[in-house]
Amino acid sequence: MKIRAGVVGATGYTGEEIVRLLARHRNVVLTSLTAIIDKPTSFSDLFPFHKGSVGLITKELDVEEVSGQTDLVFLSLPHTVSMKFAPFFLRSGRKVIDLSADYRLDVKEYEKWYRSRHVDLPNLGKAVYGLPELNRSKIKKASMIANPGCYPTGTILAVMPAVKNNLLKGEVIVDAKSGVTGAGRKASISLCFGEVDENLKAYKINEHQHMPEMSSILSGIRGSKVKVNFIPHLVPMKRGILSTVYIPLKKKIDQNEAVRLYRSCYKAEPFVRVYDSGKLPEIRNVVNTNYCDIGLKVTGKLLVVVSCIDNLLKGASGQAVQNMNIMYGFNERESLI
């Protein structure tokens, strides 16, 4: 038996990726695709790549119609928008995987960083943070998933083993570099080819809205405050995030011990690959995959962790489908490898 899935926001970068992954999923039938659109249009006319695989018509959102056609709804909507629609689907008995930030933070932090009043407090408290490597058992039982942000996914996976092994002393520094699709499919002068090509820039230093998500999740793992200093950069490539994370250590450990600790933490994880000592990951090794690759370097009492993900897959749509697989008891790798 297949589940019926719908994608709200199907024409954005993450929405299109979800459609691509679900179209080849053996346990899913796509039944609804919606977006802000001038007129109902075949998805394969909008994205010719999908000719022969996705024949659905993409239309404006009608929540009652979508609810009647689906068992599970992916919300690939902008921040502050998802929370306006998620309650209806949940009341209708549908499961929801939300790719916005609307259900990732407590209300105080959310309203501070996203500058919007939260209008769905009951479900904010029920949503499960959808990082499989942290919350797999909770995800299995969830009706509502808050899919993690792209920057937080790479950072949390880079830091989590150090926190779990009580190695962290002081503040974490994250230097992260992202491809342009991380900003979404929208018209913006700063994201135009002429502005991005042959350029590299830092932005929102310690002011990025993903920073409290990193700190909140890592603090929850540790049981005490983890301060994260976050310096994101925009680089002239379509997709991928490379994060270089600096972790001050309470005690000296050698390189082999660091690799052993990280591999022990992720030994059962299908989408985290810890590199051999002396090797570091590169963007090209993870683009178009759902993997997070991790490399380590110990220098004195400093652990430097390099993590690489595809921002549209492990950082968004791939992780959303991974969460769906866990929720429904499917093979976790289904459609992702």
C-alpha atoms as a PDB file:
ATOM      1  CA  MET A   1       0.000   0.000   0.000  1.00  0.00           C
ATOM      2  CA  LYS A   2       1.317   3.440  -0.926  1.00  0.00           C
ATOM      3  CA  ILE A   3       0.836   6.659   1.006  1.00  0.00           C
ATOM      4  CA  ARG A   4      -0.612   9.691  -0.756  1.00  0.00           C
ATOM      5  CA  ALA A   5       1.681  12.717  -0.582  1.00  0.00           C
ATOM      6  CA  GLY A   6       1.237  16.355  -1.469  1.00  0.00           C
ATOM      7  CA  VAL A   7       3.746  19.181  -1.801  1.00  0.00           C
ATOM      8  CA  VAL A   8       2.680  22.738  -0.973  1.00  0.00           C
ATOM      9  CA  GLY A   9       5.158  25.125  -2.545  1.00  0.00           C
ATOM     10  CA  ALA A  10       6.114  22.651  -5.256  1.00  0.00           C
ATOM     11  CA  THR A  11       7.786  25.164  -7.582  1.00  0.00           C
ATOM     12  CA  GLY A  12      10.525  26.368  -5.213  1.00  0.00           C
ATOM     13  CA  TYR A  13      13.957  24.761  -5.116  1.00  0.00           C
ATOM     14  CA  THR A  14      13.135  22.533  -2.152  1.00  0.00           C
ATOM     15  CA  GLY A  15       9.649  21.762  -3.420  1.00  0.00           C
ATOM     16  CA  GLU A  16      10.956  20.652  -6.803  1.00  0.00           C
ATOM     17  CA  GLU A  17      13.537  18.418  -5.108  1.00  0.00           C
ATOM     18  CA  ILE A  18      10.836  16.795  -2.963  1.00  0.00           C
ATOM     19  CA  VAL A  19       8.766  16.098  -6.059  1.00  0.00           C
ATOM     20  CA  ARG A  20      11.782  14.529  -7.763  1.00  0.00           C
ATOM     21  CA  LEU A  21      12.475  12.260  -4.799  1.00  0.00           C
ATOM     22  CA  LEU A  22       8.849  11.239  -4.267  1.00  0.00           C
ATOM     23  CA  ALA A  23       8.286  10.519  -7.961  1.00  0.00           C
ATOM     24  CA  ARG A  24      10.742   7.619  -7.743  1.00  0.00           C
ATOM     25  CA  HIS A  25       9.704   6.409  -4.275  1.00  0.00           C
ATOM     26  CA  ARG A  26       8.255   2.899  -4.299  1.00  0.00           C
ATOM     27  CA  ASN A  27       5.952   3.537  -1.329  1.00  0.00           C
ATOM     28  CA  VAL A  28       4.526   6.918  -2.340  1.00  0.00           C
ATOM     29  CA  VAL A  29       2.080   8.227  -4.894  1.00  0.00           C
ATOM     30  CA  LEU A  30       2.089  11.967  -5.546  1.00  0.00           C
ATOM     31  CA  THR A  31      -1.497  13.222  -5.459  1.00  0.00           C
ATOM     32  CA  SER A  32      -1.242  16.992  -5.033  1.00  0.00           C
ATOM     33  CA  LEU A  33       1.131  19.774  -6.126  1.00  0.00           C
ATOM     34  CA  THR A  34       0.321  23.383  -5.276  1.00  0.00           C
ATOM     35  CA  ALA A  35       2.068  26.735  -5.556  1.00  0.00           C
ATOM     36  CA  ILE A  36       1.463  30.411  -6.261  1.00  0.00           C
ATOM     37  CA  ILE A  37       0.871  30.181  -9.991  1.00  0.00           C
ATOM     38  CA  ASP A  38      -0.886  32.187 -12.728  1.00  0.00           C
ATOM     39  CA  LYS A  39      -2.997  29.253 -13.930  1.00  0.00           C
ATOM     40  CA  PRO A  40      -3.114  25.472 -13.443  1.00  0.00           C
ATOM     41  CA  THR A  41      -0.116  24.051 -15.292  1.00  0.00           C
ATOM     42  CA  SER A  42       1.393  20.616 -15.711  1.00  0.00           C
ATOM     43  CA  PHE A  43       4.390  20.254 -13.426  1.00  0.00           C
ATOM     44  CA  SER A  44       6.373  18.768 -16.290  1.00  0.00           C
ATOM     45  CA  ASP A  45       5.666  21.859 -18.388  1.00  0.00           C
ATOM     46  CA  LEU A  46       7.077  24.012 -15.605  1.00  0.00           C
ATOM     47  CA  PHE A  47      10.049  21.680 -15.190  1.00  0.00           C
ATOM     48  CA  PRO A  48      10.663  19.679 -18.403  1.00  0.00           C
ATOM     49  CA  PHE A  49      13.149  17.476 -16.540  1.00  0.00           C
ATOM     50  CA  HIS A  50      10.086  15.714 -15.105  1.00  0.00           C
ATOM     51  CA  LYS A  51       8.391  14.878 -18.415  1.00  0.00           C
ATOM     52  CA  GLY A  52       7.338  11.255 -18.323  1.00  0.00           C
ATOM     53  CA  SER A  53       7.648  10.996 -14.550  1.00  0.00           C
ATOM     54  CA  VAL A  54       5.329  13.659 -13.049  1.00  0.00           C
ATOM     55  CA  GLY A  55       2.074  14.333 -14.874  1.00  0.00           C
ATOM     56  CA  LEU A  56       0.218  16.185 -12.115  1.00  0.00           C
ATOM     57  CA  ILE A  57      -1.238  19.632 -12.597  1.00  0.00           C
ATOM     58  CA  THR A  58       0.192  22.310 -10.315  1.00  0.00           C
ATOM     59  CA  LYS A  59      -2.483  24.666  -9.032  1.00  0.00           C
ATOM     60  CA  GLU A  60      -3.222  27.238  -6.336  1.00  0.00           C
ATOM     61  CA  LEU A  61      -3.567  25.888  -2.809  1.00  0.00           C
ATOM     62  CA  ASP A  62      -7.005  24.796  -1.639  1.00  0.00           C
ATOM     63  CA  VAL A  63      -6.409  23.326   1.819  1.00  0.00           C
ATOM     64  CA  GLU A  64      -9.619  21.300   1.877  1.00  0.00           C
ATOM     65  CA  GLU A  65      -8.923  19.781  -1.532  1.00  0.00           C
ATOM     66  CA  VAL A  66      -5.308  18.953  -0.639  1.00  0.00           C
ATOM     67  CA  SER A  67      -6.350  17.445   2.672  1.00  0.00           C
ATOM     68  CA  GLY A  68      -8.851  15.187   0.918  1.00  0.00           C
ATOM     69  CA  GLN A  69      -6.217  13.959  -1.521  1.00  0.00           C
ATOM     70  CA  THR A  70      -3.328  13.218   0.857  1.00  0.00           C
ATOM     71  CA  ASP A  71      -2.089  11.305   3.877  1.00  0.00           C
ATOM     72  CA  LEU A  72       1.050  13.417   4.252  1.00  0.00           C
ATOM     73  CA  VAL A  73       1.738  17.028   3.309  1.00  0.00           C
ATOM     74  CA  PHE A  74       5.162  18.592   2.775  1.00  0.00           C
ATOM     75  CA  LEU A  75       5.083  22.334   3.426  1.00  0.00           C
ATOM     76  CA  SER A  76       7.831  23.916   1.340  1.00  0.00           C
ATOM     77  CA  LEU A  77       6.811  27.451   2.174  1.00  0.00           C
ATOM     78  CA  PRO A  78       8.547  30.627   3.351  1.00  0.00           C
ATOM     79  CA  HIS A  79       9.107  31.259   7.052  1.00  0.00           C
ATOM     80  CA  THR A  80       6.026  32.744   8.771  1.00  0.00           C
ATOM     81  CA  VAL A  81       3.712  31.226   6.138  1.00  0.00           C
ATOM     82  CA  SER A  82       3.694  27.514   7.031  1.00  0.00           C
ATOM     83  CA  MET A  83       2.158  28.086  10.459  1.00  0.00           C
ATOM     84  CA  LYS A  84      -0.946  29.513   8.780  1.00  0.00           C
ATOM     85  CA  PHE A  85      -1.673  26.223   6.976  1.00  0.00           C
ATOM     86  CA  ALA A  86      -0.188  23.442   9.110  1.00  0.00           C
ATOM     87  CA  PRO A  87      -3.003  23.522  11.746  1.00  0.00           C
ATOM     88  CA  PHE A  88      -5.693  22.754   9.183  1.00  0.00           C
ATOM     89  CA  PHE A  89      -3.865  19.719   7.806  1.00  0.00           C
ATOM     90  CA  LEU A  90      -3.132  18.417  11.298  1.00  0.00           C
ATOM     91  CA  ARG A  91      -6.767  18.842  12.397  1.00  0.00           C
ATOM     92  CA  SER A  92      -7.758  16.900   9.292  1.00  0.00           C
ATOM     93  CA  GLY A  93      -5.616  13.972  10.450  1.00  0.00           C
ATOM     94  CA  ARG A  94      -2.838  14.527   7.932  1.00  0.00           C
ATOM     95  CA  LYS A  95       0.814  14.262   8.842  1.00  0.00           C
ATOM     96  CA  VAL A  96       2.929  17.308   8.121  1.00  0.00           C
ATOM     97  CA  ILE A  97       6.622  17.816   7.384  1.00  0.00           C
ATOM     98  CA  ASP A  98       7.404  21.525   7.457  1.00  0.00           C
ATOM     99  CA  LEU A  99      10.569  22.821   5.800  1.00  0.00           C
ATOM    100  CA  SER A 100      10.275  26.367   7.137  1.00  0.00           C
ATOM    101  CA  ALA A 101      11.573  27.577  10.500  1.00  0.00           C
ATOM    102  CA  ASP A 102       8.078  28.012  11.933  1.00  0.00           C
ATOM    103  CA  TYR A 103       8.253  25.034  14.296  1.00  0.00           C
ATOM    104  CA  ARG A 104      11.987  24.806  15.093  1.00  0.00           C
ATOM    105  CA  LEU A 105      12.312  27.307  17.957  1.00  0.00           C
ATOM    106  CA  ASP A 106      10.435  28.189  21.106  1.00  0.00           C
ATOM    107  CA  VAL A 107       8.023  31.081  20.724  1.00  0.00           C
ATOM    108  CA  LYS A 108      10.282  33.700  22.311  1.00  0.00           C
ATOM    109  CA  GLU A 109      13.257  32.910  20.080  1.00  0.00           C
ATOM    110  CA  TYR A 110      11.101  32.508  17.001  1.00  0.00           C
ATOM    111  CA  GLU A 111       9.400  35.869  17.393  1.00  0.00           C
ATOM    112  CA  LYS A 112      12.739  37.564  18.102  1.00  0.00           C
ATOM    113  CA  TRP A 113      14.606  36.165  15.091  1.00  0.00           C
ATOM    114  CA  TYR A 114      11.795  35.961  12.547  1.00  0.00           C
ATOM    115  CA  ARG A 115      10.056  39.168  13.660  1.00  0.00           C
ATOM    116  CA  SER A 116       6.599  37.673  13.424  1.00  0.00           C
ATOM    117  CA  ARG A 117       4.007  36.642  15.979  1.00  0.00           C
ATOM    118  CA  HIS A 118       3.589  32.874  16.079  1.00  0.00           C
ATOM    119  CA  VAL A 119      -0.032  31.948  15.393  1.00  0.00           C
ATOM    120  CA  ASP A 120       0.089  28.185  16.073  1.00  0.00           C
ATOM    121  CA  LEU A 121       1.403  27.707  19.596  1.00  0.00           C
ATOM    122  CA  PRO A 122      -0.326  24.336  20.242  1.00  0.00           C
ATOM    123  CA  ASN A 123       1.479  22.638  17.365  1.00  0.00           C
ATOM    124  CA  LEU A 124       4.719  24.490  18.046  1.00  0.00           C
ATOM    125  CA  GLY A 125       4.935  22.501  21.265  1.00  0.00           C
ATOM    126  CA  LYS A 126       4.118  19.195  19.560  1.00  0.00           C
ATOM    127  CA  ALA A 127       6.452  19.379  16.554  1.00  0.00           C
ATOM    128  CA  VAL A 128       9.465  17.046  16.567  1.00  0.00           C
ATOM    129  CA  TYR A 129      12.785  18.472  15.393  1.00  0.00           C
ATOM    130  CA  GLY A 130      13.538  16.296  12.376  1.00  0.00           C
ATOM    131  CA  LEU A 131      17.240  15.536  12.663  1.00  0.00           C
ATOM    132  CA  PRO A 132      17.241  11.723  12.347  1.00  0.00           C
ATOM    133  CA  GLU A 133      20.671  11.315  13.938  1.00  0.00           C
ATOM    134  CA  LEU A 134      19.288  12.945  17.085  1.00  0.00           C
ATOM    135  CA  ASN A 135      15.541  12.224  17.238  1.00  0.00           C
ATOM    136  CA  ARG A 136      14.887   9.058  15.264  1.00  0.00           C
ATOM    137  CA  SER A 137      12.702   7.438  17.958  1.00  0.00           C
ATOM    138  CA  LYS A 138      10.569  10.600  18.299  1.00  0.00           C
ATOM    139  CA  ILE A 139      10.290  10.995  14.527  1.00  0.00           C
ATOM    140  CA  LYS A 140       8.829   7.472  14.272  1.00  0.00           C
ATOM    141  CA  LYS A 141       5.854   8.514  16.401  1.00  0.00           C
ATOM    142  CA  ALA A 142       5.413  12.066  15.132  1.00  0.00           C
ATOM    143  CA  SER A 143       2.560  13.637  13.211  1.00  0.00           C
ATOM    144  CA  MET A 144       4.388  16.940  12.776  1.00  0.00           C
ATOM    145  CA  ILE A 145       8.039  17.335  11.825  1.00  0.00           C
ATOM    146  CA  ALA A 146      10.030  20.558  11.941  1.00  0.00           C
ATOM    147  CA  ASN A 147      12.623  19.855   9.279  1.00  0.00           C
ATOM    148  CA  PRO A 148      16.000  21.376  10.272  1.00  0.00           C
ATOM    149  CA  GLY A 149      17.608  24.295   8.488  1.00  0.00           C
ATOM    150  CA  CYS A 150      20.466  23.695   6.084  1.00  0.00           C
ATOM    151  CA  TYR A 151      23.187  25.532   8.005  1.00  0.00           C
ATOM    152  CA  PRO A 152      22.096  23.963  11.333  1.00  0.00           C
ATOM    153  CA  THR A 153      22.155  20.450   9.863  1.00  0.00           C
ATOM    154  CA  GLY A 154      25.818  20.707   8.848  1.00  0.00           C
ATOM    155  CA  THR A 155      26.795  22.435  12.092  1.00  0.00           C
ATOM    156  CA  ILE A 156      24.908  20.257  14.568  1.00  0.00           C
ATOM    157  CA  LEU A 157      26.209  17.049  12.995  1.00  0.00           C
ATOM    158  CA  ALA A 158      29.732  18.501  13.164  1.00  0.00           C
ATOM    159  CA  VAL A 159      29.473  19.387  16.867  1.00  0.00           C
ATOM    160  CA  MET A 160      27.147  16.762  18.357  1.00  0.00           C
ATOM    161  CA  PRO A 161      29.720  14.017  19.060  1.00  0.00           C
ATOM    162  CA  ALA A 162      31.997  16.503  20.854  1.00  0.00           C
ATOM    163  CA  VAL A 163      29.094  17.693  23.008  1.00  0.00           C
ATOM    164  CA  LYS A 164      27.884  14.160  23.737  1.00  0.00           C
ATOM    165  CA  ASN A 165      31.393  13.198  24.885  1.00  0.00           C
ATOM    166  CA  ASN A 166      31.664  16.293  27.115  1.00  0.00           C
ATOM    167  CA  LEU A 167      34.661  17.649  25.200  1.00  0.00           C
ATOM    168  CA  LEU A 168      33.475  21.198  24.548  1.00  0.00           C
ATOM    169  CA  LYS A 169      34.980  24.041  26.545  1.00  0.00           C
ATOM    170  CA  GLY A 170      33.954  27.563  25.596  1.00  0.00           C
ATOM    171  CA  GLU A 171      32.241  28.863  22.471  1.00  0.00           C
ATOM    172  CA  VAL A 172      31.873  27.182  19.095  1.00  0.00           C
ATOM    173  CA  ILE A 173      32.868  29.109  15.974  1.00  0.00           C
ATOM    174  CA  VAL A 174      31.246  28.176  12.661  1.00  0.00           C
ATOM    175  CA  ASP A 175      32.566  29.426   9.322  1.00  0.00           C
ATOM    176  CA  ALA A 176      30.068  28.223   6.708  1.00  0.00           C
ATOM    177  CA  LYS A 177      29.956  28.711   2.950  1.00  0.00           C
ATOM    178  CA  SER A 178      26.767  28.102   0.983  1.00  0.00           C
ATOM    179  CA  GLY A 179      25.675  27.944  -2.632  1.00  0.00           C
ATOM    180  CA  VAL A 180      23.097  30.413  -3.923  1.00  0.00           C
ATOM    181  CA  THR A 181      20.078  28.058  -3.847  1.00  0.00           C
ATOM    182  CA  GLY A 182      20.200  28.268  -0.061  1.00  0.00           C
ATOM    183  CA  ALA A 183      18.398  31.594  -0.375  1.00  0.00           C
ATOM    184  CA  GLY A 184      15.496  30.055  -2.297  1.00  0.00           C
ATOM    185  CA  ARG A 185      14.046  30.710  -5.737  1.00  0.00           C
ATOM    186  CA  LYS A 186      13.232  34.388  -5.538  1.00  0.00           C
ATOM    187  CA  ALA A 187      14.025  37.593  -7.380  1.00  0.00           C
ATOM    188  CA  SER A 188      16.813  39.454  -5.593  1.00  0.00           C
ATOM    189  CA  ILE A 189      19.537  41.683  -6.980  1.00  0.00           C
ATOM    190  CA  SER A 190      22.071  40.281  -4.521  1.00  0.00           C
ATOM    191  CA  LEU A 191      21.457  36.772  -5.884  1.00  0.00           C
ATOM    192  CA  CYS A 192      21.693  37.613  -9.574  1.00  0.00           C
ATOM    193  CA  PHE A 193      24.441  35.962 -11.634  1.00  0.00           C
ATOM    194  CA  GLY A 194      26.290  39.232 -12.155  1.00  0.00           C
ATOM    195  CA  GLU A 195      26.427  39.843  -8.414  1.00  0.00           C
ATOM    196  CA  VAL A 196      27.380  36.325  -7.331  1.00  0.00           C
ATOM    197  CA  ASP A 197      29.717  35.112 -10.084  1.00  0.00           C
ATOM    198  CA  GLU A 198      33.439  35.405  -9.249  1.00  0.00           C
ATOM    199  CA  ASN A 199      32.561  36.807  -5.833  1.00  0.00           C
ATOM    200  CA  LEU A 200      32.643  35.660  -2.210  1.00  0.00           C
ATOM    201  CA  LYS A 201      31.112  37.493   0.708  1.00  0.00           C
ATOM    202  CA  ALA A 202      30.315  37.100   4.380  1.00  0.00           C
ATOM    203  CA  TYR A 203      26.909  38.236   5.610  1.00  0.00           C
ATOM    204  CA  LYS A 204      24.763  38.383   8.777  1.00  0.00           C
ATOM    205  CA  ILE A 205      27.728  37.710  11.083  1.00  0.00           C
ATOM    206  CA  ASN A 206      26.225  36.494  14.371  1.00  0.00           C
ATOM    207  CA  GLU A 207      22.897  37.825  13.128  1.00  0.00           C
ATOM    208  CA  HIS A 208      21.710  34.941  10.945  1.00  0.00           C
ATOM    209  CA  GLN A 209      18.334  33.454  11.843  1.00  0.00           C
ATOM    210  CA  HIS A 210      19.772  29.918  11.864  1.00  0.00           C
ATOM    211  CA  MET A 211      22.152  30.703  14.725  1.00  0.00           C
ATOM    212  CA  PRO A 212      19.619  30.285  17.576  1.00  0.00           C
ATOM    213  CA  GLU A 213      18.550  26.945  16.080  1.00  0.00           C
ATOM    214  CA  MET A 214      22.126  25.659  16.292  1.00  0.00           C
ATOM    215  CA  SER A 215      22.540  26.916  19.842  1.00  0.00           C
ATOM    216  CA  SER A 216      19.160  25.633  21.014  1.00  0.00           C
ATOM    217  CA  ILE A 217      19.607  22.078  19.735  1.00  0.00           C
ATOM    218  CA  LEU A 218      23.223  21.746  20.908  1.00  0.00           C
ATOM    219  CA  SER A 219      22.298  23.203  24.313  1.00  0.00           C
ATOM    220  CA  GLY A 220      19.542  20.605  24.596  1.00  0.00           C
ATOM    221  CA  ILE A 221      22.001  17.805  23.861  1.00  0.00           C
ATOM    222  CA  ARG A 222      24.526  19.149  26.366  1.00  0.00           C
ATOM    223  CA  GLY A 223      22.054  20.078  29.079  1.00  0.00           C
ATOM    224  CA  SER A 224      23.609  23.535  29.391  1.00  0.00           C
ATOM    225  CA  LYS A 225      24.129  26.558  27.177  1.00  0.00           C
ATOM    226  CA  VAL A 226      26.215  26.177  24.030  1.00  0.00           C
ATOM    227  CA  LYS A 227      27.196  29.522  22.533  1.00  0.00           C
ATOM    228  CA  VAL A 228      27.612  29.440  18.755  1.00  0.00           C
ATOM    229  CA  ASN A 229      29.342  32.192  16.783  1.00  0.00           C
ATOM    230  CA  PHE A 230      28.148  31.897  13.201  1.00  0.00           C
ATOM    231  CA  ILE A 231      29.762  33.454  10.137  1.00  0.00           C
ATOM    232  CA  PRO A 232      27.954  32.477   6.902  1.00  0.00           C
ATOM    233  CA  HIS A 233      29.311  33.186   3.414  1.00  0.00           C
ATOM    234  CA  LEU A 234      27.766  33.179  -0.044  1.00  0.00           C
ATOM    235  CA  VAL A 235      29.894  31.483  -2.691  1.00  0.00           C
ATOM    236  CA  PRO A 236      29.422  31.370  -6.501  1.00  0.00           C
ATOM    237  CA  MET A 237      28.002  27.870  -6.856  1.00  0.00           C
ATOM    238  CA  LYS A 238      24.464  26.529  -7.110  1.00  0.00           C
ATOM    239  CA  ARG A 239      24.347  24.139  -4.182  1.00  0.00           C
ATOM    240  CA  GLY A 240      26.301  22.767  -1.265  1.00  0.00           C
ATOM    241  CA  ILE A 241      27.446  23.927   2.184  1.00  0.00           C
ATOM    242  CA  LEU A 242      30.935  23.518   3.604  1.00  0.00           C
ATOM    243  CA  SER A 243      31.150  24.338   7.319  1.00  0.00           C
ATOM    244  CA  THR A 244      34.455  24.659   9.139  1.00  0.00           C
ATOM    245  CA  VAL A 245      33.713  24.385  12.843  1.00  0.00           C
ATOM    246  CA  TYR A 246      36.168  25.279  15.607  1.00  0.00           C
ATOM    247  CA  ILE A 247      35.568  23.419  18.883  1.00  0.00           C
ATOM    248  CA  PRO A 248      37.726  24.294  21.922  1.00  0.00           C
ATOM    249  CA  LEU A 249      38.449  21.175  23.968  1.00  0.00           C
ATOM    250  CA  LYS A 250      38.494  20.584  27.722  1.00  0.00           C
ATOM    251  CA  LYS A 251      41.401  18.191  27.315  1.00  0.00           C
ATOM    252  CA  LYS A 252      43.821  17.096  24.649  1.00  0.00           C
ATOM    253  CA  ILE A 253      42.834  14.163  22.486  1.00  0.00           C
ATOM    254  CA  ASP A 254      44.755  12.764  19.568  1.00  0.00           C
ATOM    255  CA  GLN A 255      43.590  12.588  15.993  1.00  0.00           C
ATOM    256  CA  ASN A 256      42.747   8.891  16.024  1.00  0.00           C
ATOM    257  CA  GLU A 257      40.709   9.251  19.217  1.00  0.00           C
ATOM    258  CA  ALA A 258      38.666  12.052  17.641  1.00  0.00           C
ATOM    259  CA  VAL A 259      37.910   9.935  14.580  1.00  0.00           C
ATOM    260  CA  ARG A 260      36.974   6.992  16.821  1.00  0.00           C
ATOM    261  CA  LEU A 261      34.546   9.097  18.876  1.00  0.00           C
ATOM    262  CA  TYR A 262      32.840  10.502  15.797  1.00  0.00           C
ATOM    263  CA  ARG A 263      32.555   7.129  14.108  1.00  0.00           C
ATOM    264  CA  SER A 264      31.136   5.621  17.273  1.00  0.00           C
ATOM    265  CA  CYS A 265      28.488   8.346  17.414  1.00  0.00           C
ATOM    266  CA  TYR A 266      27.459   7.828  13.785  1.00  0.00           C
ATOM    267  CA  LYS A 267      28.127   4.112  13.341  1.00  0.00           C
ATOM    268  CA  ALA A 268      24.450   3.309  12.731  1.00  0.00           C
ATOM    269  CA  GLU A 269      23.699   6.372  10.619  1.00  0.00           C
ATOM    270  CA  PRO A 270      23.144   5.711   6.905  1.00  0.00           C
ATOM    271  CA  PHE A 271      23.828   9.287   5.784  1.00  0.00           C
ATOM    272  CA  VAL A 272      26.795  10.429   7.850  1.00  0.00           C
ATOM    273  CA  ARG A 273      30.288   9.509   6.636  1.00  0.00           C
ATOM    274  CA  VAL A 274      33.284  10.209   8.889  1.00  0.00           C
ATOM    275  CA  TYR A 275      36.541  10.376   6.943  1.00  0.00           C
ATOM    276  CA  ASP A 276      39.807   8.660   7.804  1.00  0.00           C
ATOM    277  CA  SER A 277      42.377  10.687   9.720  1.00  0.00           C
ATOM    278  CA  GLY A 278      44.147  13.157   7.436  1.00  0.00           C
ATOM    279  CA  LYS A 279      41.300  13.392   4.932  1.00  0.00           C
ATOM    280  CA  LEU A 280      38.751  16.177   4.612  1.00  0.00           C
ATOM    281  CA  PRO A 281      35.456  16.317   2.701  1.00  0.00           C
ATOM    282  CA  GLU A 282      34.706  18.466  -0.329  1.00  0.00           C
ATOM    283  CA  ILE A 283      31.460  19.865  -1.701  1.00  0.00           C
ATOM    284  CA  ARG A 284      31.688  17.810  -4.903  1.00  0.00           C
ATOM    285  CA  ASN A 285      31.562  14.595  -2.851  1.00  0.00           C
ATOM    286  CA  VAL A 286      28.077  15.348  -1.470  1.00  0.00           C
ATOM    287  CA  VAL A 287      26.276  17.434  -4.117  1.00  0.00           C
ATOM    288  CA  ASN A 288      23.110  15.643  -5.309  1.00  0.00           C
ATOM    289  CA  THR A 289      23.264  13.251  -2.337  1.00  0.00           C
ATOM    290  CA  ASN A 290      21.700  13.078   1.130  1.00  0.00           C
ATOM    291  CA  TYR A 291      25.063  12.548   2.840  1.00  0.00           C
ATOM    292  CA  CYS A 292      26.793  14.654   5.450  1.00  0.00           C
ATOM    293  CA  ASP A 293      30.549  14.078   5.140  1.00  0.00           C
ATOM    294  CA  ILE A 294      32.748  14.912   8.124  1.00  0.00           C
ATOM    295  CA  GLY A 295      36.508  15.317   8.421  1.00  0.00           C
ATOM    296  CA  LEU A 296      38.513  16.093  11.569  1.00  0.00           C
ATOM    297  CA  LYS A 297      41.753  17.790  12.539  1.00  0.00           C
ATOM    298  CA  VAL A 298      43.032  18.072  16.103  1.00  0.00           C
ATOM    299  CA  THR A 299      45.530  20.834  16.771  1.00  0.00           C
ATOM    300  CA  GLY A 300      46.491  21.196  20.427  1.00  0.00           C
ATOM    301  CA  LYS A 301      43.270  21.656  22.412  1.00  0.00           C
ATOM    302  CA  LEU A 302      41.284  22.668  19.355  1.00  0.00           C
ATOM    303  CA  LEU A 303      39.163  20.301  17.287  1.00  0.00           C
ATOM    304  CA  VAL A 304      38.482  21.522  13.751  1.00  0.00           C
ATOM    305  CA  VAL A 305      35.573  19.764  12.071  1.00  0.00           C
ATOM    306  CA  VAL A 306      34.750  20.158   8.384  1.00  0.00           C
ATOM    307  CA  SER A 307      31.272  19.084   7.328  1.00  0.00           C
ATOM    308  CA  CYS A 308      29.802  19.090   3.822  1.00  0.00           C
ATOM    309  CA  ILE A 309      26.178  18.698   2.761  1.00  0.00           C
ATOM    310  CA  ASP A 310      23.983  19.469  -0.215  1.00  0.00           C
ATOM    311  CA  ASN A 311      21.817  22.294   1.119  1.00  0.00           C
ATOM    312  CA  LEU A 312      18.811  21.181  -0.951  1.00  0.00           C
ATOM    313  CA  LEU A 313      19.014  17.509   0.057  1.00  0.00           C
ATOM    314  CA  LYS A 314      20.468  16.669   3.481  1.00  0.00           C
ATOM    315  CA  GLY A 315      19.921  20.342   4.287  1.00  0.00           C
ATOM    316  CA  ALA A 316      16.250  20.332   3.241  1.00  0.00           C
ATOM    317  CA  SER A 317      14.313  18.032   0.872  1.00  0.00           C
ATOM    318  CA  GLY A 318      16.387  14.866   1.217  1.00  0.00           C
ATOM    319  CA  GLN A 319      16.200  15.077   4.991  1.00  0.00           C
ATOM    320  CA  ALA A 320      12.440  15.679   4.732  1.00  0.00           C
ATOM    321  CA  VAL A 321      12.042  12.454   2.725  1.00  0.00           C
ATOM    322  CA  GLN A 322      14.367  10.674   5.163  1.00  0.00           C
ATOM    323  CA  ASN A 323      12.016  11.787   7.942  1.00  0.00           C
ATOM    324  CA  MET A 324       9.019  10.526   5.978  1.00  0.00           C
ATOM    325  CA  ASN A 325      10.705   7.143   5.583  1.00  0.00           C
ATOM    326  CA  ILE A 326      11.240   6.942   9.339  1.00  0.00           C
ATOM    327  CA  MET A 327       7.682   8.056  10.157  1.00  0.00           C
ATOM    328  CA  TYR A 328       6.130   5.365   7.978  1.00  0.00           C
ATOM    329  CA  GLY A 329       8.609   2.561   8.669  1.00  0.00           C
ATOM    330  CA  PHE A 330      10.007   2.539   5.141  1.00  0.00           C
ATOM    331  CA  ASN A 331      13.629   1.754   4.346  1.00  0.00           C
ATOM    332  CA  GLU A 332      15.372   4.943   5.455  1.00  0.00           C
ATOM    333  CA  ARG A 333      17.440   5.007   2.256  1.00  0.00           C
ATOM    334  CA  GLU A 334      14.450   4.653  -0.070  1.00  0.00           C
ATOM    335  CA  SER A 335      14.663   7.112  -3.003  1.00  0.00           C
ATOM    336  CA  LEU A 336      17.734   8.736  -1.426  1.00  0.00           C
ATOM    337  CA  ILE A 337      20.424   6.374  -2.734  1.00  0.00           C
END
